[in-house]
Amino acid sequence: FPEAEGQLLEALRSQPSRPLLGNIGALYYAEERFEDAARFYDRSLAIGAPSAMQYRNLGDADRHLGKPREAAEAYRQARKLAEEDITRNPRRAASHSLLGLVAAFLGDR
C-alpha cells in the first residue's frame, strides 16, 4: 500500500483526474482510512460529471465514519444516477446491481 500510495500521489501532482482521485480514495478505503477516502471521493466528484459509483463510494466512506445523514445523501445521489443509467441503457447489469445495493443501504425494499 505505501508504494501504491506514493505512486498515486506522485501522479496526482502531475495531472489530477477524476479516476486518479477515485483510485486514491479506494486505496485509503482499503486501508480503512475512511476520512482520507471520503476527502478524495469528494474531490473526484468536483471534476466532471459525477457517476453513481462515485457517490456510492462516498456513501460507504461516510457510513464507516458514522455519518448516517451524509451517507444517505450520497446513496440517494447514487440511486438517482443509477436509475438514469438504467434508463439510458437497460441492459447494463452493473447499473442494476449498483441500484439494488444503494437501495438496500437506504432501507428501500
N, C-alpha and C. Protein backbone atom coordinates (compact mmCIF):
# COMPACT_ATOMS: atom_id res chain seq x y z
N PHE A 1 0.79 -1.19 0.00
CA PHE A 1 0.00 0.00 0.00
C PHE A 1 0.85 1.28 0.00
N PRO A 2 1.90 1.33 0.80
CA PRO A 2 2.69 2.57 0.80
C PRO A 2 3.30 2.89 -0.56
N GLU A 3 3.77 1.88 -1.27
CA GLU A 3 4.34 2.13 -2.60
C GLU A 3 3.26 2.62 -3.57
N ALA A 4 2.10 1.99 -3.51
CA ALA A 4 1.00 2.41 -4.38
C ALA A 4 0.57 3.84 -4.05
N GLU A 5 0.50 4.15 -2.76
CA GLU A 5 0.12 5.50 -2.35
C GLU A 5 1.11 6.52 -2.90
N GLY A 6 2.40 6.23 -2.77
CA GLY A 6 3.41 7.15 -3.28
C GLY A 6 3.28 7.38 -4.78
N GLN A 7 3.05 6.32 -5.51
CA GLN A 7 2.91 6.44 -6.97
C GLN A 7 1.66 7.23 -7.34
N LEU A 8 0.57 6.95 -6.66
CA LEU A 8 -0.68 7.65 -6.96
C LEU A 8 -0.57 9.14 -6.62
N LEU A 9 0.04 9.46 -5.49
CA LEU A 9 0.18 10.87 -5.11
C LEU A 9 1.14 11.60 -6.04
N GLU A 10 2.15 10.89 -6.51
CA GLU A 10 3.06 11.50 -7.50
C GLU A 10 2.32 11.79 -8.79
N ALA A 11 1.50 10.85 -9.23
CA ALA A 11 0.71 11.06 -10.44
C ALA A 11 -0.27 12.22 -10.26
N LEU A 12 -0.80 12.36 -9.05
CA LEU A 12 -1.74 13.44 -8.76
C LEU A 12 -1.07 14.80 -8.90
N ARG A 13 0.19 14.89 -8.49
CA ARG A 13 0.92 16.15 -8.62
C ARG A 13 1.11 16.51 -10.09
N SER A 14 1.27 15.50 -10.94
CA SER A 14 1.47 15.75 -12.37
C SER A 14 0.19 16.18 -13.06
N GLN A 15 -0.86 15.41 -12.86
CA GLN A 15 -2.11 15.71 -13.56
C GLN A 15 -3.30 15.11 -12.80
N PRO A 16 -3.99 15.93 -12.02
CA PRO A 16 -5.17 15.41 -11.31
C PRO A 16 -6.27 15.00 -12.28
N SER A 17 -6.95 13.93 -11.96
CA SER A 17 -8.07 13.48 -12.78
C SER A 17 -9.08 12.80 -11.86
N ARG A 18 -10.31 12.71 -12.35
CA ARG A 18 -11.36 12.06 -11.57
C ARG A 18 -11.03 10.60 -11.26
N PRO A 19 -10.61 9.80 -12.27
CA PRO A 19 -10.28 8.41 -11.94
C PRO A 19 -9.11 8.28 -10.94
N LEU A 20 -8.13 9.15 -11.07
CA LEU A 20 -6.99 9.09 -10.16
C LEU A 20 -7.42 9.41 -8.73
N LEU A 21 -8.22 10.45 -8.57
CA LEU A 21 -8.73 10.80 -7.23
C LEU A 21 -9.56 9.66 -6.65
N GLY A 22 -10.37 9.03 -7.50
CA GLY A 22 -11.15 7.88 -7.04
C GLY A 22 -10.28 6.70 -6.63
N ASN A 23 -9.21 6.48 -7.38
CA ASN A 23 -8.30 5.38 -7.03
C ASN A 23 -7.57 5.64 -5.73
N ILE A 24 -7.19 6.88 -5.48
CA ILE A 24 -6.56 7.21 -4.20
C ILE A 24 -7.56 7.00 -3.07
N GLY A 25 -8.80 7.43 -3.30
CA GLY A 25 -9.85 7.19 -2.31
C GLY A 25 -10.03 5.70 -2.04
N ALA A 26 -10.00 4.90 -3.09
CA ALA A 26 -10.16 3.44 -2.94
C ALA A 26 -8.99 2.83 -2.15
N LEU A 27 -7.80 3.34 -2.39
CA LEU A 27 -6.64 2.85 -1.64
C LEU A 27 -6.82 3.14 -0.16
N TYR A 28 -7.19 4.37 0.16
CA TYR A 28 -7.40 4.73 1.57
C TYR A 28 -8.56 3.95 2.18
N TYR A 29 -9.60 3.72 1.40
CA TYR A 29 -10.73 2.93 1.89
C TYR A 29 -10.26 1.51 2.24
N ALA A 30 -9.47 0.93 1.36
CA ALA A 30 -8.96 -0.43 1.61
C ALA A 30 -8.10 -0.48 2.86
N GLU A 31 -7.44 0.61 3.18
CA GLU A 31 -6.62 0.69 4.39
C GLU A 31 -7.44 1.12 5.61
N GLU A 32 -8.75 1.29 5.42
CA GLU A 32 -9.67 1.73 6.46
C GLU A 32 -9.33 3.13 6.96
N ARG A 33 -8.79 3.94 6.05
CA ARG A 33 -8.53 5.36 6.33
C ARG A 33 -9.71 6.13 5.74
N PHE A 34 -10.86 5.98 6.36
CA PHE A 34 -12.11 6.44 5.77
C PHE A 34 -12.20 7.95 5.62
N GLU A 35 -11.62 8.69 6.55
CA GLU A 35 -11.63 10.16 6.44
C GLU A 35 -10.87 10.59 5.19
N ASP A 36 -9.69 10.00 4.98
CA ASP A 36 -8.91 10.31 3.77
C ASP A 36 -9.65 9.86 2.52
N ALA A 37 -10.26 8.69 2.58
CA ALA A 37 -11.01 8.19 1.43
C ALA A 37 -12.14 9.14 1.07
N ALA A 38 -12.90 9.58 2.06
CA ALA A 38 -14.02 10.49 1.81
C ALA A 38 -13.53 11.79 1.19
N ARG A 39 -12.40 12.28 1.66
CA ARG A 39 -11.86 13.54 1.13
C ARG A 39 -11.54 13.40 -0.36
N PHE A 40 -10.93 12.29 -0.74
CA PHE A 40 -10.58 12.10 -2.15
C PHE A 40 -11.82 11.78 -3.00
N TYR A 41 -12.79 11.07 -2.43
CA TYR A 41 -14.04 10.83 -3.17
C TYR A 41 -14.75 12.16 -3.42
N ASP A 42 -14.76 13.04 -2.40
CA ASP A 42 -15.36 14.37 -2.59
C ASP A 42 -14.65 15.13 -3.70
N ARG A 43 -13.34 15.10 -3.69
CA ARG A 43 -12.58 15.80 -4.72
C ARG A 43 -12.88 15.24 -6.11
N SER A 44 -13.05 13.93 -6.21
CA SER A 44 -13.33 13.32 -7.52
C SER A 44 -14.68 13.77 -8.05
N LEU A 45 -15.62 14.02 -7.15
CA LEU A 45 -16.95 14.47 -7.57
C LEU A 45 -16.93 15.90 -8.12
N ALA A 46 -15.92 16.66 -7.78
CA ALA A 46 -15.83 18.05 -8.24
C ALA A 46 -15.29 18.17 -9.66
N ILE A 47 -14.81 17.06 -10.21
CA ILE A 47 -14.23 17.08 -11.55
C ILE A 47 -15.16 16.34 -12.51
N GLY A 48 -15.72 17.04 -13.46
CA GLY A 48 -16.55 16.40 -14.48
C GLY A 48 -17.90 15.96 -13.94
N ALA A 49 -18.60 15.23 -14.79
CA ALA A 49 -19.92 14.72 -14.43
C ALA A 49 -19.77 13.57 -13.43
N PRO A 50 -20.49 13.62 -12.31
CA PRO A 50 -20.37 12.55 -11.32
C PRO A 50 -21.01 11.25 -11.80
N SER A 51 -20.61 10.17 -11.18
CA SER A 51 -21.19 8.87 -11.51
C SER A 51 -21.83 8.27 -10.26
N ALA A 52 -22.70 7.31 -10.50
CA ALA A 52 -23.36 6.62 -9.39
C ALA A 52 -22.33 5.93 -8.51
N MET A 53 -21.30 5.36 -9.10
CA MET A 53 -20.28 4.66 -8.33
C MET A 53 -19.50 5.62 -7.43
N GLN A 54 -19.22 6.82 -7.93
CA GLN A 54 -18.52 7.79 -7.09
C GLN A 54 -19.34 8.12 -5.84
N TYR A 55 -20.64 8.33 -6.02
CA TYR A 55 -21.48 8.63 -4.87
C TYR A 55 -21.62 7.42 -3.95
N ARG A 56 -21.67 6.24 -4.52
CA ARG A 56 -21.73 5.03 -3.68
C ARG A 56 -20.48 4.94 -2.83
N ASN A 57 -19.30 5.19 -3.43
CA ASN A 57 -18.05 5.13 -2.68
C ASN A 57 -18.04 6.15 -1.55
N LEU A 58 -18.49 7.37 -1.83
CA LEU A 58 -18.55 8.39 -0.80
C LEU A 58 -19.51 7.97 0.31
N GLY A 59 -20.65 7.42 -0.08
CA GLY A 59 -21.61 6.94 0.93
C GLY A 59 -21.01 5.87 1.81
N ASP A 60 -20.25 4.96 1.23
CA ASP A 60 -19.61 3.90 2.02
C ASP A 60 -18.63 4.49 3.03
N ALA A 61 -17.81 5.44 2.58
CA ALA A 61 -16.84 6.06 3.48
C ALA A 61 -17.57 6.79 4.61
N ASP A 62 -18.60 7.57 4.26
CA ASP A 62 -19.35 8.29 5.29
C ASP A 62 -20.04 7.34 6.26
N ARG A 63 -20.53 6.22 5.75
CA ARG A 63 -21.17 5.23 6.64
C ARG A 63 -20.17 4.70 7.66
N HIS A 64 -18.95 4.41 7.21
CA HIS A 64 -17.92 3.92 8.13
C HIS A 64 -17.46 5.01 9.11
N LEU A 65 -17.63 6.26 8.72
CA LEU A 65 -17.25 7.36 9.61
C LEU A 65 -18.35 7.71 10.61
N GLY A 66 -19.46 6.98 10.55
CA GLY A 66 -20.56 7.24 11.47
C GLY A 66 -21.32 8.51 11.11
N LYS A 67 -21.42 8.79 9.83
CA LYS A 67 -22.15 9.96 9.35
C LYS A 67 -23.36 9.49 8.54
N PRO A 68 -24.42 9.05 9.22
CA PRO A 68 -25.55 8.45 8.50
C PRO A 68 -26.27 9.41 7.56
N ARG A 69 -26.41 10.67 7.94
CA ARG A 69 -27.10 11.62 7.06
C ARG A 69 -26.33 11.85 5.77
N GLU A 70 -25.02 12.05 5.91
CA GLU A 70 -24.18 12.28 4.73
C GLU A 70 -24.15 11.04 3.84
N ALA A 71 -24.06 9.86 4.48
CA ALA A 71 -24.05 8.61 3.72
C ALA A 71 -25.36 8.45 2.96
N ALA A 72 -26.48 8.71 3.63
CA ALA A 72 -27.79 8.57 2.98
C ALA A 72 -27.91 9.52 1.79
N GLU A 73 -27.43 10.74 1.94
CA GLU A 73 -27.49 11.70 0.83
C GLU A 73 -26.65 11.22 -0.35
N ALA A 74 -25.47 10.70 -0.07
CA ALA A 74 -24.61 10.18 -1.14
C ALA A 74 -25.29 8.98 -1.82
N TYR A 75 -25.89 8.11 -1.02
CA TYR A 75 -26.59 6.95 -1.60
C TYR A 75 -27.80 7.39 -2.43
N ARG A 76 -28.50 8.44 -1.99
CA ARG A 76 -29.63 8.93 -2.79
C ARG A 76 -29.16 9.47 -4.14
N GLN A 77 -28.03 10.16 -4.13
CA GLN A 77 -27.47 10.65 -5.39
C GLN A 77 -27.05 9.47 -6.27
N ALA A 78 -26.46 8.45 -5.65
CA ALA A 78 -26.06 7.26 -6.41
C ALA A 78 -27.29 6.58 -7.01
N ARG A 79 -28.36 6.48 -6.23
CA ARG A 79 -29.59 5.86 -6.73
C ARG A 79 -30.13 6.63 -7.94
N LYS A 80 -30.17 7.95 -7.82
CA LYS A 80 -30.67 8.78 -8.93
C LYS A 80 -29.85 8.56 -10.19
N LEU A 81 -28.54 8.57 -10.07
CA LEU A 81 -27.68 8.39 -11.24
C LEU A 81 -27.76 6.97 -11.80
N ALA A 82 -27.88 5.99 -10.93
CA ALA A 82 -28.02 4.60 -11.40
C ALA A 82 -29.33 4.43 -12.16
N GLU A 83 -30.39 5.05 -11.67
CA GLU A 83 -31.67 4.98 -12.38
C GLU A 83 -31.56 5.64 -13.76
N GLU A 84 -30.86 6.76 -13.82
CA GLU A 84 -30.65 7.42 -15.12
C GLU A 84 -29.83 6.53 -16.05
N ASP A 85 -28.81 5.87 -15.51
CA ASP A 85 -28.00 4.95 -16.32
C ASP A 85 -28.87 3.83 -16.89
N ILE A 86 -29.76 3.30 -16.06
CA ILE A 86 -30.63 2.20 -16.49
C ILE A 86 -31.61 2.69 -17.57
N THR A 87 -32.08 3.90 -17.43
CA THR A 87 -32.98 4.46 -18.45
C THR A 87 -32.26 4.56 -19.79
N ARG A 88 -31.00 4.99 -19.75
CA ARG A 88 -30.22 5.11 -20.99
C ARG A 88 -29.84 3.75 -21.57
N ASN A 89 -29.49 2.81 -20.71
CA ASN A 89 -29.05 1.50 -21.17
C ASN A 89 -29.60 0.42 -20.23
N PRO A 90 -30.82 -0.05 -20.48
CA PRO A 90 -31.45 -1.01 -19.57
C PRO A 90 -30.75 -2.36 -19.49
N ARG A 91 -29.85 -2.65 -20.40
CA ARG A 91 -29.17 -3.95 -20.39
C ARG A 91 -27.88 -3.93 -19.56
N ARG A 92 -27.50 -2.79 -19.06
CA ARG A 92 -26.24 -2.68 -18.30
C ARG A 92 -26.44 -3.24 -16.90
N ALA A 93 -25.98 -4.45 -16.69
CA ALA A 93 -26.20 -5.16 -15.43
C ALA A 93 -25.56 -4.44 -14.25
N ALA A 94 -24.40 -3.82 -14.45
CA ALA A 94 -23.71 -3.15 -13.35
C ALA A 94 -24.57 -2.05 -12.75
N SER A 95 -25.32 -1.35 -13.58
CA SER A 95 -26.19 -0.28 -13.07
C SER A 95 -27.32 -0.86 -12.23
N HIS A 96 -27.86 -2.00 -12.65
CA HIS A 96 -28.92 -2.65 -11.88
C HIS A 96 -28.38 -3.12 -10.52
N SER A 97 -27.18 -3.69 -10.53
CA SER A 97 -26.56 -4.16 -9.28
C SER A 97 -26.33 -3.00 -8.33
N LEU A 98 -25.78 -1.93 -8.87
CA LEU A 98 -25.49 -0.76 -8.04
C LEU A 98 -26.78 -0.18 -7.48
N LEU A 99 -27.81 -0.10 -8.30
CA LEU A 99 -29.09 0.41 -7.84
C LEU A 99 -29.63 -0.44 -6.69
N GLY A 100 -29.55 -1.75 -6.82
CA GLY A 100 -30.01 -2.63 -5.75
C GLY A 100 -29.22 -2.45 -4.47
N LEU A 101 -27.92 -2.28 -4.60
CA LEU A 101 -27.07 -2.12 -3.42
C LEU A 101 -27.38 -0.82 -2.69
N VAL A 102 -27.44 0.29 -3.41
CA VAL A 102 -27.70 1.56 -2.71
C VAL A 102 -29.13 1.61 -2.18
N ALA A 103 -30.06 0.96 -2.87
CA ALA A 103 -31.42 0.88 -2.35
C ALA A 103 -31.43 0.13 -1.01
N ALA A 104 -30.65 -0.93 -0.93
CA ALA A 104 -30.56 -1.68 0.32
C ALA A 104 -29.95 -0.83 1.44
N PHE A 105 -28.91 -0.08 1.12
CA PHE A 105 -28.30 0.80 2.12
C PHE A 105 -29.28 1.87 2.60
N LEU A 106 -30.18 2.28 1.71
CA LEU A 106 -31.17 3.28 2.07
C LEU A 106 -32.39 2.67 2.76
N GLY A 107 -32.43 1.34 2.89
CA GLY A 107 -33.55 0.67 3.52
C GLY A 107 -34.76 0.55 2.62
N ASP A 108 -34.55 0.72 1.32
CA ASP A 108 -35.63 0.65 0.33
C ASP A 108 -35.80 -0.79 -0.11
N ARG A 109 -36.95 -1.37 0.18
CA ARG A 109 -37.20 -2.76 -0.19
C ARG A 109 -37.70 -2.84 -1.60
